[in-house]
């Protein structure tokens, strides 16, 4: 019996040790999986932390639906303008007239955003844009639409946006806490670029199967979503009563920008970014027709690639937390955007062009989100409407001026040389500010404490 026990004991002990080791190893593996899941959950919660706020969620959903509708219409509108005229100048003219009211009236919109109920200003803006969409749909229903109709309605939509834009920019910080504002801006960029992907896709399907009138009708209906969300949110901002003249308030905003470190540089960069870096998407129909010799389906693919890249860029910004060093990073991204723009202009391969547009989308949205976050943080709440109206004016003015200039230069120098040149100019401007040490991009709270 003792001999038998001695023979079997080592085998028994080996099995016990093996069993305990297996359990320990399984437990360690389970703890590792649990730890990884917790890290993933924490990372997702950090990336999407702005959605903790009810009012922000409502505005995000409403704005996303409305922006999808806008891109559905924009797809049909750009294609029809070029199809009716066969002249890239009219594409640029349509962009110019849509942004011209923003250049003329957005500074006034910023003053009113600091004086009036921002939610009511936004509602009025949505009503104007919704009516324009339905009018354009009716013109197509009765087969009387002309190019000048489209151009006129683009101008009227721009009038609504010139007052709604500053109100929305000033309203956004009231929906989240200050520490979550950069994340909210990135999330807002994501909804915009999610619409850039879904909008052209839906627009292409609607255009080819239902006709242009349904693209405009869908856009008109989409405004109901953002109107509903505006009626449901709670806005804590109470405008201060003032007897100052509008021009005096406007001058105060400009003085604030000139005196705040880095703000002037941000305004200049915002203008140059859209002037030289945003021109490619506006003239994609020219590339599709003249370079790739394709139709609306290829146009849709290129827009989707650009929008998908922008979503990735916005997600990258949302995952970042600290604003330190973002100014220098923004300039490096702008340099890459200029190089990508030039490379796309020179490309004759459709797959390569799709990749370049995707990377351009990443650079466009990352740089735009970083610049907007810096502008919001540098500003103070009592000056936010005016400051953001100047910033938005610079950002939006580059689009029509760039479109108008490129539309004129393409017949002279060709689409390749014109857009490649625009990209290289952006590289030079961003490089200048990169090696200029005076641009500090200091947030308002730090600037106040420094004094």
Protein backbone atom coordinates (compact mmCIF):
# COMPACT_ATOMS: atom_id res chain seq x y z
CA UNK A 1 0.00 0.00 0.00
CA UNK A 2 2.74 2.51 0.87
CA UNK A 3 4.57 1.56 -2.31
CA UNK A 4 1.37 2.08 -4.35
CA UNK A 5 0.84 5.44 -2.63
CA UNK A 6 4.37 6.53 -3.44
CA UNK A 7 3.87 5.55 -7.09
CA UNK A 8 0.58 7.35 -7.50
CA UNK A 9 1.34 10.45 -5.43
CA UNK A 10 3.64 12.15 -7.99
CA UNK A 11 1.06 11.65 -10.72
CA UNK A 12 -1.67 13.00 -8.43
CA UNK A 13 0.43 16.02 -7.46
CA UNK A 14 1.27 16.67 -11.10
CA UNK A 15 -2.42 16.72 -12.01
CA UNK A 16 -3.25 19.04 -9.09
CA UNK A 17 -0.46 21.43 -10.02
CA UNK A 18 -1.46 21.30 -13.68
CA UNK A 19 -5.09 21.97 -12.77
CA UNK A 20 -4.15 24.89 -10.53
CA UNK A 21 -1.85 26.30 -13.20
CA UNK A 22 -4.59 25.97 -15.81
CA UNK A 23 -7.07 27.77 -13.54
CA UNK A 24 -4.50 30.46 -12.74
CA UNK A 25 -3.70 30.90 -16.41
CA UNK A 26 -7.40 31.03 -17.34
CA UNK A 27 -8.03 33.52 -14.55
CA UNK A 28 -5.13 35.68 -15.72
CA UNK A 29 -6.42 35.51 -19.29
CA UNK A 30 -9.91 36.46 -18.13
CA UNK A 31 -8.51 39.36 -16.13
CA UNK A 32 -6.53 40.46 -19.17
CA UNK A 33 -9.64 40.34 -21.38
CA UNK A 34 -11.65 42.21 -18.75
CA UNK A 35 -8.91 44.81 -18.45
CA UNK A 36 -8.80 45.29 -22.22
CA UNK A 37 -12.58 45.63 -22.39
CA UNK A 38 -12.48 48.20 -19.60
CA UNK A 39 -9.77 50.14 -21.43
CA UNK A 40 -11.80 50.03 -24.65
CA UNK A 41 -14.94 51.21 -22.86
CA UNK A 42 -13.00 54.01 -21.18
CA UNK A 43 -11.48 55.03 -24.51
CA UNK A 44 -14.88 55.09 -26.22
CA UNK A 45 -16.39 57.04 -23.33
CA UNK A 46 -13.56 59.56 -23.59
CA UNK A 47 -13.89 59.85 -27.36
CA UNK A 48 -17.67 60.39 -27.27
CA UNK A 49 -17.89 62.18 -23.91
CA UNK A 50 -19.86 65.15 -25.32
CA UNK A 51 -22.86 62.82 -25.78
CA UNK A 52 -23.31 62.76 -22.01
CA UNK A 53 -25.20 66.05 -22.40
CA UNK A 54 -28.87 65.75 -23.41
CA UNK A 55 -29.10 69.06 -25.27
CA UNK A 56 -25.95 68.33 -27.25
CA UNK A 57 -27.32 64.91 -28.26
CA UNK A 58 -30.54 66.50 -29.50
CA UNK A 59 -28.72 69.17 -31.48
CA UNK A 60 -26.29 66.62 -32.89
CA UNK A 61 -29.04 64.35 -34.24
CA UNK A 62 -31.09 67.24 -35.65
CA UNK A 63 -28.07 68.88 -37.27
CA UNK A 64 -26.89 65.56 -38.72
CA UNK A 65 -30.23 64.86 -40.43
CA UNK A 66 -30.39 68.41 -41.78
CA UNK A 67 -26.79 68.33 -43.04
CA UNK A 68 -27.43 65.03 -44.82
CA UNK A 69 -30.28 66.76 -46.63
CA UNK A 70 -28.01 69.67 -47.52
CA UNK A 71 -25.46 67.35 -49.14
CA UNK A 72 -28.22 65.49 -50.98
CA UNK A 73 -29.22 68.80 -52.57
CA UNK A 74 -25.62 69.90 -53.10
CA UNK A 75 -24.90 66.73 -55.08
CA UNK A 76 -27.80 67.36 -57.46
CA UNK A 77 -27.20 71.11 -57.62
CA UNK A 78 -23.48 70.93 -58.50
CA UNK A 79 -24.04 68.25 -61.10
CA UNK A 80 -26.96 70.09 -62.70
CA UNK A 81 -25.17 73.44 -62.83
CA UNK A 82 -22.24 71.88 -64.67
CA UNK A 83 -24.51 69.74 -66.84
CA UNK A 84 -26.62 72.76 -67.87
CA UNK A 85 -23.72 75.11 -68.59
CA UNK A 86 -20.71 72.84 -69.33
CA UNK A 87 -18.67 75.71 -67.85
CA UNK A 88 -16.66 75.33 -64.58
CA UNK A 89 -17.03 79.08 -64.01
CA UNK A 90 -20.69 78.57 -63.08
CA UNK A 91 -19.70 75.97 -60.51
CA UNK A 92 -17.44 78.57 -58.94
CA UNK A 93 -20.14 81.25 -59.29
CA UNK A 94 -22.67 79.04 -57.51
CA UNK A 95 -20.20 78.52 -54.63
CA UNK A 96 -19.44 82.24 -54.59
CA UNK A 97 -23.07 83.38 -54.45
CA UNK A 98 -23.83 80.84 -51.72
CA UNK A 99 -21.04 82.27 -49.55
CA UNK A 100 -21.28 85.95 -50.53
CA UNK A 101 -24.00 86.78 -47.93
CA UNK A 102 -21.78 85.25 -45.24
CA UNK A 103 -19.04 87.67 -46.26
CA UNK A 104 -21.48 90.58 -46.21
CA UNK A 105 -23.64 89.88 -43.16
CA UNK A 106 -21.95 87.42 -40.80
CA UNK A 107 -20.28 90.18 -38.77
CA UNK A 108 -23.72 91.63 -38.12
CA UNK A 109 -24.93 88.12 -37.31
CA UNK A 110 -22.20 87.84 -34.68
CA UNK A 111 -23.29 91.07 -32.99
CA UNK A 112 -26.92 89.91 -32.93
CA UNK A 113 -25.84 86.51 -31.56
CA UNK A 114 -24.44 88.33 -28.51
CA UNK A 115 -27.59 90.45 -28.15
CA UNK A 116 -30.55 88.21 -29.07
CA UNK A 117 -31.89 84.74 -28.28
CA UNK A 118 -29.49 82.46 -30.18
CA UNK A 119 -32.05 79.68 -30.50
CA UNK A 120 -34.61 81.98 -32.16
CA UNK A 121 -31.93 83.22 -34.57
CA UNK A 122 -31.15 79.63 -35.53
CA UNK A 123 -34.83 78.80 -36.03
CA UNK A 124 -35.28 81.78 -38.35
CA UNK A 125 -32.24 80.67 -40.35
CA UNK A 126 -33.63 77.14 -40.75
CA UNK A 127 -37.02 78.45 -41.93
CA UNK A 128 -35.36 80.51 -44.69
CA UNK A 129 -33.25 77.58 -45.93
CA UNK A 130 -36.19 75.15 -45.82
CA UNK A 131 -38.36 77.45 -47.95
CA UNK A 132 -35.57 77.82 -50.53
CA UNK A 133 -35.24 74.04 -50.86
CA UNK A 134 -38.97 73.59 -51.45
CA UNK A 135 -39.05 76.45 -53.98
CA UNK A 136 -36.28 74.81 -56.00
CA UNK A 137 -38.14 71.49 -55.87
CA UNK A 138 -41.30 73.16 -57.22
CA UNK A 139 -39.34 74.78 -60.05
CA UNK A 140 -38.21 71.30 -61.12
CA UNK A 141 -41.70 69.86 -60.75
CA UNK A 142 -43.02 72.44 -63.24
CA UNK A 143 -39.94 72.13 -65.53
CA UNK A 144 -39.17 75.86 -65.45
CA UNK A 145 -35.84 75.83 -63.59
CA UNK A 146 -33.00 77.92 -65.02
CA UNK A 147 -29.43 78.38 -63.89
CA UNK A 148 -30.20 81.85 -62.54
CA UNK A 149 -32.91 80.34 -60.33
CA UNK A 150 -30.34 78.05 -58.72
CA UNK A 151 -27.86 80.90 -58.28
CA UNK A 152 -30.47 83.19 -56.72
CA UNK A 153 -31.64 80.58 -54.25
CA UNK A 154 -28.02 79.81 -53.33
CA UNK A 155 -27.65 83.48 -52.39
CA UNK A 156 -30.80 83.40 -50.24
CA UNK A 157 -29.64 80.25 -48.44
CA UNK A 158 -26.38 82.07 -47.75
CA UNK A 159 -28.34 84.95 -46.17
CA UNK A 160 -29.94 82.52 -43.74
CA UNK A 161 -26.58 80.92 -42.94
CA UNK A 162 -24.90 84.29 -42.36
CA UNK A 163 -27.07 84.78 -39.24
CA UNK A 164 -27.50 81.12 -38.27
CA UNK A 165 -23.77 80.30 -38.39
CA UNK A 166 -22.60 82.75 -35.68
CA UNK A 167 -25.62 81.85 -33.54
CA UNK A 168 -24.80 78.13 -33.74
CA UNK A 169 -21.09 78.66 -33.02
CA UNK A 170 -21.97 80.80 -30.00
CA UNK A 171 -24.66 78.35 -28.83
CA UNK A 172 -22.47 75.23 -28.88
CA UNK A 173 -20.39 76.12 -25.76
CA UNK A 174 -23.65 76.50 -23.79
CA UNK A 175 -24.56 72.85 -24.43
CA UNK A 176 -21.49 71.26 -22.77
CA UNK A 177 -19.00 72.05 -20.00
CA UNK A 178 -15.87 74.00 -20.91
CA UNK A 179 -13.54 70.99 -20.55
CA UNK A 180 -15.63 69.02 -23.06
CA UNK A 181 -15.90 71.82 -25.64
CA UNK A 182 -13.07 70.55 -27.92
CA UNK A 183 -14.71 67.12 -27.91
CA UNK A 184 -18.10 68.64 -28.75
CA UNK A 185 -16.54 70.51 -31.67
CA UNK A 186 -14.97 67.27 -32.93
CA UNK A 187 -18.30 65.44 -32.56
CA UNK A 188 -19.97 68.23 -34.50
CA UNK A 189 -17.37 67.74 -37.22
CA UNK A 190 -18.14 64.03 -37.24
CA UNK A 191 -21.86 64.63 -37.86
CA UNK A 192 -20.95 67.05 -40.65
CA UNK A 193 -18.67 64.54 -42.33
CA UNK A 194 -20.96 61.61 -41.68
CA UNK A 195 -23.44 63.64 -43.69
CA UNK A 196 -20.74 64.17 -46.34
CA UNK A 197 -20.60 60.39 -46.77
CA UNK A 198 -24.32 59.61 -46.52
CA UNK A 199 -25.56 62.74 -48.31
CA UNK A 200 -23.88 62.19 -51.70
CA UNK A 201 -24.70 58.47 -51.53
CA UNK A 202 -28.38 59.17 -50.95
CA UNK A 203 -28.22 62.06 -53.40
CA UNK A 204 -26.74 59.86 -56.12
CA UNK A 205 -29.44 57.22 -55.62
CA UNK A 206 -32.22 59.81 -55.50
CA UNK A 207 -30.87 61.65 -58.54
CA UNK A 208 -30.54 58.57 -60.74
CA UNK A 209 -33.78 56.86 -59.66
CA UNK A 210 -36.20 59.64 -58.66
CA UNK A 211 -34.84 62.80 -60.27
CA UNK A 212 -33.41 66.09 -59.05
CA UNK A 213 -36.70 67.36 -57.61
CA UNK A 214 -36.64 64.66 -54.93
CA UNK A 215 -33.13 65.67 -53.89
CA UNK A 216 -34.41 69.17 -53.16
CA UNK A 217 -37.58 67.85 -51.51
CA UNK A 218 -35.61 65.59 -49.19
CA UNK A 219 -33.44 68.53 -48.20
CA UNK A 220 -36.50 70.62 -47.38
CA UNK A 221 -37.94 67.85 -45.20
CA UNK A 222 -34.61 67.38 -43.39
CA UNK A 223 -34.84 70.86 -41.86
CA UNK A 224 -37.78 69.66 -39.75
CA UNK A 225 -35.33 67.57 -37.68
CA UNK A 226 -33.11 70.46 -36.64
CA UNK A 227 -36.14 72.68 -36.04
CA UNK A 228 -37.58 70.05 -33.69
CA UNK A 229 -34.28 69.71 -31.81
CA UNK A 230 -34.01 73.48 -31.37
CA UNK A 231 -37.50 73.57 -29.86
CA UNK A 232 -36.55 70.83 -27.36
CA UNK A 233 -33.21 72.06 -25.99
CA UNK A 234 -32.69 74.31 -22.96
CA UNK A 235 -30.41 77.30 -23.52
CA UNK A 236 -28.89 78.97 -20.45
CA UNK A 237 -27.44 81.96 -22.28
CA UNK A 238 -29.09 85.27 -21.35
CA UNK A 239 -28.10 88.11 -23.71
CA UNK A 240 -26.93 91.28 -22.02
CA UNK A 241 -28.98 94.37 -22.66
CA UNK A 242 -26.98 97.12 -24.31
CA UNK A 243 -27.57 100.45 -25.99
CA UNK A 244 -24.33 100.36 -27.95
CA UNK A 245 -24.50 100.79 -31.68
CA UNK A 246 -24.02 97.70 -33.80
CA UNK A 247 -20.87 99.10 -35.40
CA UNK A 248 -19.38 99.83 -31.96
CA UNK A 249 -19.96 96.26 -30.82
CA UNK A 250 -18.47 94.99 -34.05
CA UNK A 251 -15.32 97.07 -33.54
CA UNK A 252 -14.98 95.68 -30.01
CA UNK A 253 -14.92 92.16 -31.42
CA UNK A 254 -12.25 93.07 -33.99
CA UNK A 255 -10.16 94.80 -31.30
CA UNK A 256 -10.41 91.70 -29.11
CA UNK A 257 -9.12 89.53 -31.97
CA UNK A 258 -6.18 91.86 -32.66
CA UNK A 259 -5.14 91.96 -29.01
CA UNK A 260 -5.53 88.24 -28.24
CA UNK A 261 -2.37 86.22 -28.87
CA UNK A 262 -2.70 83.85 -31.81
CA UNK A 263 -6.23 84.87 -32.81
CA UNK A 264 -5.14 86.95 -35.81
CA UNK A 265 -3.02 84.06 -37.05
CA UNK A 266 -6.00 81.70 -36.69
CA UNK A 267 -8.23 84.00 -38.75
CA UNK A 268 -5.62 84.24 -41.53
CA UNK A 269 -5.04 80.49 -41.53
CA UNK A 270 -8.78 79.79 -41.61
CA UNK A 271 -9.15 81.98 -44.70
CA UNK A 272 -6.13 80.48 -46.50
CA UNK A 273 -7.17 76.92 -45.66
CA UNK A 274 -10.52 77.23 -47.40
CA UNK A 275 -9.15 79.46 -50.17
CA UNK A 276 -6.45 76.99 -51.25
CA UNK A 277 -7.28 73.69 -49.53
CA UNK A 278 -11.04 73.29 -50.03
CA UNK A 279 -11.15 73.93 -53.77
CA UNK A 280 -10.77 70.30 -54.88
CA UNK A 281 -14.20 69.06 -53.77
CA UNK A 282 -15.95 72.00 -55.45
CA UNK A 283 -14.44 71.09 -58.83
CA UNK A 284 -14.69 67.31 -58.69
CA UNK A 285 -17.23 67.29 -61.57
CA UNK A 286 -14.49 68.76 -63.78
CA UNK A 287 -12.09 65.94 -62.84
CA UNK A 288 -14.80 63.33 -63.32
CA UNK A 289 -15.78 64.61 -66.78
CA UNK A 290 -12.47 65.79 -68.22
CA UNK A 291 -9.80 63.67 -66.50
CA UNK A 292 -11.50 60.34 -65.74
CA UNK A 293 -14.25 60.59 -68.39
CA UNK A 294 -16.87 59.15 -66.04
CA UNK A 295 -20.36 60.06 -64.78
CA UNK A 296 -22.29 60.76 -61.55
CA UNK A 297 -21.40 57.37 -60.03
CA UNK A 298 -17.67 58.22 -59.98
CA UNK A 299 -18.49 61.66 -58.59
CA UNK A 300 -20.34 59.93 -55.74
CA UNK A 301 -17.39 57.61 -55.04
CA UNK A 302 -14.95 60.53 -54.83
CA UNK A 303 -17.23 62.48 -52.47
CA UNK A 304 -17.68 59.44 -50.25
CA UNK A 305 -13.88 58.92 -50.06
CA UNK A 306 -13.40 62.52 -49.02
CA UNK A 307 -16.17 62.32 -46.44
CA UNK A 308 -14.92 59.04 -45.00
CA UNK A 309 -11.48 60.56 -44.53
CA UNK A 310 -13.00 63.55 -42.78
CA UNK A 311 -14.81 61.27 -40.32
CA UNK A 312 -11.50 59.58 -39.47
CA UNK A 313 -9.90 62.98 -38.98
CA UNK A 314 -12.69 64.13 -36.67
CA UNK A 315 -12.50 60.90 -34.62
CA UNK A 316 -8.78 61.45 -34.18
CA UNK A 317 -9.43 64.94 -32.86
CA UNK A 318 -12.19 63.68 -30.57
CA UNK A 319 -9.86 61.11 -28.99
CA UNK A 320 -7.30 63.80 -28.12
CA UNK A 321 -7.72 65.59 -24.80
CA UNK A 322 -5.03 68.22 -24.30
CA UNK A 323 -4.86 71.37 -26.41
CA UNK A 324 -1.14 71.91 -25.71
CA UNK A 325 0.87 71.79 -28.91
CA UNK A 326 -2.20 71.69 -31.17
CA UNK A 327 -1.20 74.94 -32.90
CA UNK A 328 2.03 73.48 -34.27
CA UNK A 329 0.31 70.20 -35.12
CA UNK A 330 -2.37 72.11 -37.05
CA UNK A 331 0.28 73.81 -39.18
CA UNK A 332 1.93 70.48 -39.98
CA UNK A 333 -1.46 69.06 -41.00
CA UNK A 334 -2.06 72.08 -43.27
CA UNK A 335 1.28 71.46 -44.99
CA UNK A 336 0.26 67.85 -45.63
CA UNK A 337 -3.11 69.05 -46.96
CA UNK A 338 -1.40 71.29 -49.49
CA UNK A 339 0.84 68.44 -50.67
CA UNK A 340 -2.13 66.06 -50.94
CA UNK A 341 -4.08 68.64 -52.96
CA UNK A 342 -1.22 69.01 -55.42
CA UNK A 343 -0.82 65.23 -55.67
CA UNK A 344 -4.53 64.75 -56.41
CA UNK A 345 -4.40 67.37 -59.13
CA UNK A 346 -1.52 65.53 -60.81
CA UNK A 347 -3.01 62.04 -60.42
CA UNK A 348 -4.42 60.22 -63.43
CA UNK A 349 -5.27 57.01 -61.57
CA UNK A 350 -8.77 56.78 -60.13
CA UNK A 351 -7.82 54.40 -57.25
CA UNK A 352 -4.88 56.63 -56.31
CA UNK A 353 -7.12 59.70 -56.48
CA UNK A 354 -9.59 58.03 -54.12
CA UNK A 355 -6.77 57.37 -51.62
CA UNK A 356 -5.49 60.93 -51.92
CA UNK A 357 -9.00 62.33 -51.40
CA UNK A 358 -9.42 60.15 -48.32
CA UNK A 359 -6.14 61.44 -46.85
CA UNK A 360 -7.11 64.99 -47.80
CA UNK A 361 -10.38 64.52 -45.95
CA UNK A 362 -8.47 63.47 -42.83
CA UNK A 363 -6.24 66.54 -43.07
CA UNK A 364 -9.12 68.93 -43.83
CA UNK A 365 -11.21 67.90 -40.86
CA UNK A 366 -8.35 67.54 -38.39
CA UNK A 367 -7.00 71.01 -39.20
CA UNK A 368 -10.46 72.63 -39.25
CA UNK A 369 -11.43 71.03 -35.92
CA UNK A 370 -8.19 72.04 -34.24
CA UNK A 371 -8.45 75.63 -35.49
CA UNK A 372 -12.08 75.94 -34.41
CA UNK A 373 -11.30 74.48 -30.97
CA UNK A 374 -8.46 76.95 -30.52
CA UNK A 375 -10.66 79.86 -31.59
CA UNK A 376 -13.41 78.86 -29.13
CA UNK A 377 -10.93 78.47 -26.27
CA UNK A 378 -9.17 81.76 -27.00
CA UNK A 379 -12.52 83.62 -27.00
CA UNK A 380 -14.56 84.66 -23.95
CA UNK A 381 -18.31 84.04 -23.63
CA UNK A 382 -19.34 87.69 -23.76
CA UNK A 383 -17.35 88.18 -26.98
CA UNK A 384 -17.96 84.74 -28.48
CA UNK A 385 -20.63 85.68 -31.00
CA UNK A 386 -18.56 88.50 -32.49
CA UNK A 387 -15.27 86.63 -32.40
CA UNK A 388 -16.72 83.51 -33.99
CA UNK A 389 -18.50 85.58 -36.65
CA UNK A 390 -15.13 87.01 -37.72
CA UNK A 391 -13.54 83.56 -37.66
CA UNK A 392 -16.45 82.02 -39.59
CA UNK A 393 -16.32 84.89 -42.07
CA UNK A 394 -12.66 84.19 -42.75
CA UNK A 395 -13.25 80.44 -42.93
CA UNK A 396 -16.28 80.68 -45.17
CA UNK A 397 -15.04 83.56 -47.37
CA UNK A 398 -12.18 81.47 -48.70
CA UNK A 399 -14.59 78.97 -50.24
CA UNK A 400 -16.41 81.31 -52.67
CA UNK A 401 -13.35 83.43 -53.45
CA UNK A 402 -11.32 80.29 -54.11
CA UNK A 403 -14.11 78.81 -56.20
CA UNK A 404 -14.50 81.97 -58.26
CA UNK A 405 -10.75 82.34 -58.83
CA UNK A 406 -10.20 78.66 -59.66
CA UNK A 407 -13.23 78.67 -61.96
CA UNK A 408 -11.62 81.52 -63.91
CA UNK A 409 -8.11 80.07 -63.91
CA UNK A 410 -9.01 76.54 -65.03
CA UNK A 411 -9.87 77.54 -68.65
CA UNK A 412 -6.55 79.41 -68.84
CA UNK A 413 -4.08 77.07 -67.11
CA UNK A 414 -6.04 73.81 -66.91
CA UNK A 415 -7.50 72.08 -63.88
CA UNK A 416 -4.27 70.23 -63.03
CA UNK A 417 -1.94 73.25 -62.91
CA UNK A 418 -4.48 75.45 -61.15
CA UNK A 419 -5.25 73.11 -58.26
CA UNK A 420 -1.66 71.92 -57.90
CA UNK A 421 -0.60 75.55 -57.60
CA UNK A 422 -3.27 76.18 -54.94
CA UNK A 423 -1.97 73.26 -52.88
CA UNK A 424 1.64 74.48 -53.03
CA UNK A 425 0.61 78.01 -51.98
CA UNK A 426 -1.07 76.53 -48.89
CA UNK A 427 2.18 74.68 -48.08
CA UNK A 428 4.11 77.96 -48.25
CA UNK A 429 1.65 79.86 -46.01
CA UNK A 430 1.47 77.12 -43.35
CA UNK A 431 5.26 76.84 -43.43
CA UNK A 432 5.58 80.58 -42.78
CA UNK A 433 3.44 80.40 -39.64
CA UNK A 434 5.15 77.20 -38.53
CA UNK A 435 8.46 79.05 -38.18
CA UNK A 436 6.88 82.22 -36.76
CA UNK A 437 7.25 82.02 -32.94
CA UNK A 438 4.79 84.82 -32.13
CA UNK A 439 1.70 82.63 -32.70
CA UNK A 440 1.00 81.22 -29.23
CA UNK A 441 -2.70 80.20 -29.54
CA UNK A 442 -3.21 80.78 -25.80
CA UNK A 443 -6.65 79.85 -24.35
CA UNK A 444 -8.70 82.65 -22.76
CA UNK A 445 -8.50 81.22 -19.23
CA UNK A 446 -4.69 81.00 -19.38
CA UNK A 447 -4.45 84.46 -20.91
CA UNK A 448 -6.56 85.92 -18.09
CA UNK A 449 -4.48 84.21 -15.40
CA UNK A 450 -1.26 85.38 -17.08
CA UNK A 451 -2.40 88.94 -16.58
